[in-house]
Amino acid sequence: MTEKRKSPSKRDTPWFTVLVRWDNLAKLKEIAARNKAPLTQTVGRLINNEYDAIFPERRKEPDACTHNVRTT
């Protein structure tokens, strides 16, 4: 017997519901279908890509130019 999923409010990572206009949802579905990925994964990827473009200094990986550089 498969285990029943927890409701979103009881999951370890909280969830938030987002409203999307119908025309944008159609585009989102096309993107998800082309990538063969679920809508939630597609939205997450789009958000992460945009966030990294806007805030490059907040990326998790260290900057190669300043990491372990000796000045002497």
N, C-alpha and C. Protein backbone atom coordinates (compact mmCIF):
# COMPACT_ATOMS: atom_id res chain seq x y z
N MET A 1 0.83 -1.19 0.00
CA MET A 1 0.00 0.00 0.00
C MET A 1 0.88 1.25 0.00
N THR A 2 0.61 2.19 -0.89
CA THR A 2 1.40 3.40 -0.97
C THR A 2 1.01 4.37 0.15
N GLU A 3 2.03 5.11 0.59
CA GLU A 3 1.81 6.06 1.68
C GLU A 3 1.12 7.31 1.14
N LYS A 4 0.14 7.79 1.88
CA LYS A 4 -0.57 9.00 1.48
C LYS A 4 0.34 10.22 1.69
N ARG A 5 0.35 11.12 0.73
CA ARG A 5 1.16 12.32 0.84
C ARG A 5 0.62 13.23 1.93
N LYS A 6 1.56 13.96 2.55
CA LYS A 6 1.14 14.95 3.54
C LYS A 6 0.51 16.13 2.83
N SER A 7 -0.41 16.79 3.51
CA SER A 7 -0.99 18.00 2.92
C SER A 7 0.10 19.07 2.87
N PRO A 8 0.01 20.04 1.96
CA PRO A 8 1.05 21.06 1.85
C PRO A 8 1.36 21.78 3.16
N SER A 9 0.37 21.99 4.00
CA SER A 9 0.61 22.70 5.26
C SER A 9 1.40 21.87 6.26
N LYS A 10 1.49 20.55 6.04
CA LYS A 10 2.18 19.68 6.99
C LYS A 10 3.51 19.15 6.44
N ARG A 11 3.95 19.63 5.29
CA ARG A 11 5.21 19.18 4.71
C ARG A 11 6.38 19.91 5.37
N ASP A 12 7.57 19.31 5.25
CA ASP A 12 8.77 19.91 5.84
C ASP A 12 9.09 21.26 5.22
N THR A 13 8.93 21.38 3.92
CA THR A 13 9.13 22.65 3.22
C THR A 13 7.76 23.25 2.96
N PRO A 14 7.49 24.45 3.50
CA PRO A 14 6.17 25.04 3.29
C PRO A 14 5.91 25.38 1.82
N TRP A 15 4.65 25.40 1.44
CA TRP A 15 4.22 25.72 0.09
C TRP A 15 3.36 26.96 0.11
N PHE A 16 3.28 27.63 -1.02
CA PHE A 16 2.47 28.82 -1.18
C PHE A 16 1.75 28.73 -2.51
N THR A 17 0.48 29.01 -2.51
CA THR A 17 -0.31 28.95 -3.73
C THR A 17 -0.16 30.26 -4.50
N VAL A 18 0.00 30.15 -5.82
CA VAL A 18 0.18 31.31 -6.68
C VAL A 18 -0.91 31.30 -7.75
N LEU A 19 -1.50 32.45 -8.02
CA LEU A 19 -2.47 32.57 -9.10
C LEU A 19 -1.74 33.01 -10.36
N VAL A 20 -2.07 32.36 -11.47
CA VAL A 20 -1.42 32.66 -12.75
C VAL A 20 -2.51 32.94 -13.77
N ARG A 21 -2.33 34.03 -14.53
CA ARG A 21 -3.31 34.33 -15.58
C ARG A 21 -3.36 33.19 -16.58
N TRP A 22 -4.52 33.00 -17.18
CA TRP A 22 -4.76 31.87 -18.07
C TRP A 22 -3.76 31.83 -19.23
N ASP A 23 -3.48 32.97 -19.84
CA ASP A 23 -2.55 32.99 -20.98
C ASP A 23 -1.14 32.62 -20.54
N ASN A 24 -0.73 33.05 -19.34
CA ASN A 24 0.59 32.68 -18.84
C ASN A 24 0.63 31.19 -18.46
N LEU A 25 -0.47 30.66 -17.97
CA LEU A 25 -0.53 29.24 -17.64
C LEU A 25 -0.36 28.39 -18.90
N ALA A 26 -0.97 28.80 -19.99
CA ALA A 26 -0.81 28.07 -21.24
C ALA A 26 0.66 28.04 -21.67
N LYS A 27 1.35 29.18 -21.54
CA LYS A 27 2.77 29.24 -21.87
C LYS A 27 3.59 28.37 -20.94
N LEU A 28 3.26 28.42 -19.66
CA LEU A 28 3.96 27.62 -18.66
C LEU A 28 3.80 26.13 -18.95
N LYS A 29 2.60 25.73 -19.33
CA LYS A 29 2.36 24.33 -19.67
C LYS A 29 3.17 23.90 -20.89
N GLU A 30 3.31 24.79 -21.86
CA GLU A 30 4.11 24.49 -23.05
C GLU A 30 5.58 24.31 -22.67
N ILE A 31 6.09 25.19 -21.81
CA ILE A 31 7.48 25.09 -21.36
C ILE A 31 7.69 23.77 -20.61
N ALA A 32 6.77 23.45 -19.71
CA ALA A 32 6.87 22.22 -18.92
C ALA A 32 6.81 20.99 -19.82
N ALA A 33 5.92 21.00 -20.80
CA ALA A 33 5.80 19.86 -21.71
C ALA A 33 7.07 19.68 -22.54
N ARG A 34 7.63 20.77 -22.99
CA ARG A 34 8.85 20.68 -23.80
C ARG A 34 10.02 20.12 -22.98
N ASN A 35 10.09 20.52 -21.68
CA ASN A 35 11.15 20.03 -20.80
C ASN A 35 10.81 18.71 -20.14
N LYS A 36 9.59 18.21 -20.39
CA LYS A 36 9.11 16.97 -19.77
C LYS A 36 9.28 17.03 -18.26
N ALA A 37 8.82 18.14 -17.68
CA ALA A 37 8.94 18.38 -16.24
C ALA A 37 7.58 18.82 -15.68
N PRO A 38 7.34 18.57 -14.40
CA PRO A 38 6.10 19.05 -13.79
C PRO A 38 6.04 20.57 -13.73
N LEU A 39 4.84 21.12 -13.63
CA LEU A 39 4.68 22.58 -13.57
C LEU A 39 5.44 23.18 -12.38
N THR A 40 5.36 22.54 -11.21
CA THR A 40 6.03 23.10 -10.03
C THR A 40 7.54 23.16 -10.23
N GLN A 41 8.11 22.16 -10.86
CA GLN A 41 9.55 22.16 -11.12
C GLN A 41 9.90 23.23 -12.15
N THR A 42 9.06 23.40 -13.14
CA THR A 42 9.29 24.41 -14.18
C THR A 42 9.23 25.81 -13.58
N VAL A 43 8.23 26.08 -12.76
CA VAL A 43 8.13 27.39 -12.10
C VAL A 43 9.35 27.63 -11.23
N GLY A 44 9.75 26.63 -10.45
CA GLY A 44 10.92 26.77 -9.59
C GLY A 44 12.17 27.09 -10.37
N ARG A 45 12.36 26.41 -11.51
CA ARG A 45 13.54 26.66 -12.34
C ARG A 45 13.52 28.08 -12.90
N LEU A 46 12.36 28.52 -13.38
CA LEU A 46 12.25 29.88 -13.93
C LEU A 46 12.54 30.93 -12.85
N ILE A 47 12.02 30.71 -11.65
CA ILE A 47 12.26 31.65 -10.55
C ILE A 47 13.74 31.67 -10.19
N ASN A 48 14.35 30.49 -10.07
CA ASN A 48 15.77 30.44 -9.72
C ASN A 48 16.66 31.09 -10.77
N ASN A 49 16.36 30.86 -12.05
CA ASN A 49 17.14 31.49 -13.12
C ASN A 49 17.03 33.01 -13.08
N GLU A 50 15.83 33.51 -12.89
CA GLU A 50 15.62 34.96 -12.83
C GLU A 50 16.29 35.55 -11.59
N TYR A 51 16.18 34.87 -10.47
CA TYR A 51 16.79 35.34 -9.22
C TYR A 51 18.31 35.43 -9.38
N ASP A 52 18.92 34.39 -9.97
CA ASP A 52 20.37 34.40 -10.18
C ASP A 52 20.80 35.51 -11.13
N ALA A 53 19.96 35.83 -12.11
CA ALA A 53 20.29 36.91 -13.05
C ALA A 53 20.21 38.27 -12.36
N ILE A 54 19.26 38.44 -11.46
CA ILE A 54 19.09 39.72 -10.78
C ILE A 54 20.06 39.89 -9.62
N PHE A 55 20.33 38.80 -8.90
CA PHE A 55 21.19 38.86 -7.72
C PHE A 55 22.38 37.90 -7.87
N PRO A 56 23.29 38.18 -8.79
CA PRO A 56 24.41 37.24 -9.00
C PRO A 56 25.31 37.12 -7.78
N GLU A 57 25.36 38.14 -6.94
CA GLU A 57 26.22 38.10 -5.76
C GLU A 57 25.70 37.16 -4.68
N ARG A 58 24.46 36.72 -4.79
CA ARG A 58 23.88 35.83 -3.79
C ARG A 58 23.93 34.36 -4.18
N ARG A 59 24.60 34.04 -5.25
CA ARG A 59 24.72 32.64 -5.65
C ARG A 59 25.44 31.86 -4.57
N LYS A 60 25.12 30.59 -4.45
CA LYS A 60 25.69 29.75 -3.40
C LYS A 60 27.15 29.39 -3.68
N GLU A 61 27.52 29.24 -4.95
CA GLU A 61 28.89 28.85 -5.25
C GLU A 61 29.82 30.05 -5.10
N PRO A 62 31.02 29.84 -4.57
CA PRO A 62 31.95 30.96 -4.38
C PRO A 62 32.46 31.48 -5.73
N ASP A 63 32.80 32.74 -5.75
CA ASP A 63 33.33 33.36 -6.96
C ASP A 63 34.75 32.87 -7.19
N ALA A 64 35.05 32.38 -8.36
CA ALA A 64 36.35 31.79 -8.65
C ALA A 64 37.47 32.83 -8.57
N CYS A 65 37.18 34.08 -8.82
CA CYS A 65 38.21 35.11 -8.81
C CYS A 65 38.67 35.49 -7.41
N THR A 66 37.85 35.31 -6.41
CA THR A 66 38.20 35.74 -5.06
C THR A 66 38.42 34.57 -4.11
N HIS A 67 38.20 33.37 -4.56
CA HIS A 67 38.31 32.20 -3.68
C HIS A 67 39.75 31.72 -3.59
N ASN A 68 40.28 31.68 -2.37
CA ASN A 68 41.64 31.20 -2.10
C ASN A 68 42.70 31.89 -2.94
N VAL A 69 42.65 33.19 -3.00
CA VAL A 69 43.63 33.97 -3.77
C VAL A 69 44.67 34.53 -2.80
N ARG A 70 45.94 34.32 -3.10
CA ARG A 70 47.03 34.86 -2.28
C ARG A 70 47.43 36.22 -2.82
N THR A 71 47.74 37.13 -1.89
CA THR A 71 48.12 38.47 -2.32
C THR A 71 49.62 38.71 -2.23
N THR A 72 50.40 37.75 -1.73
CA THR A 72 51.85 37.93 -1.61
C THR A 72 52.61 37.13 -2.61
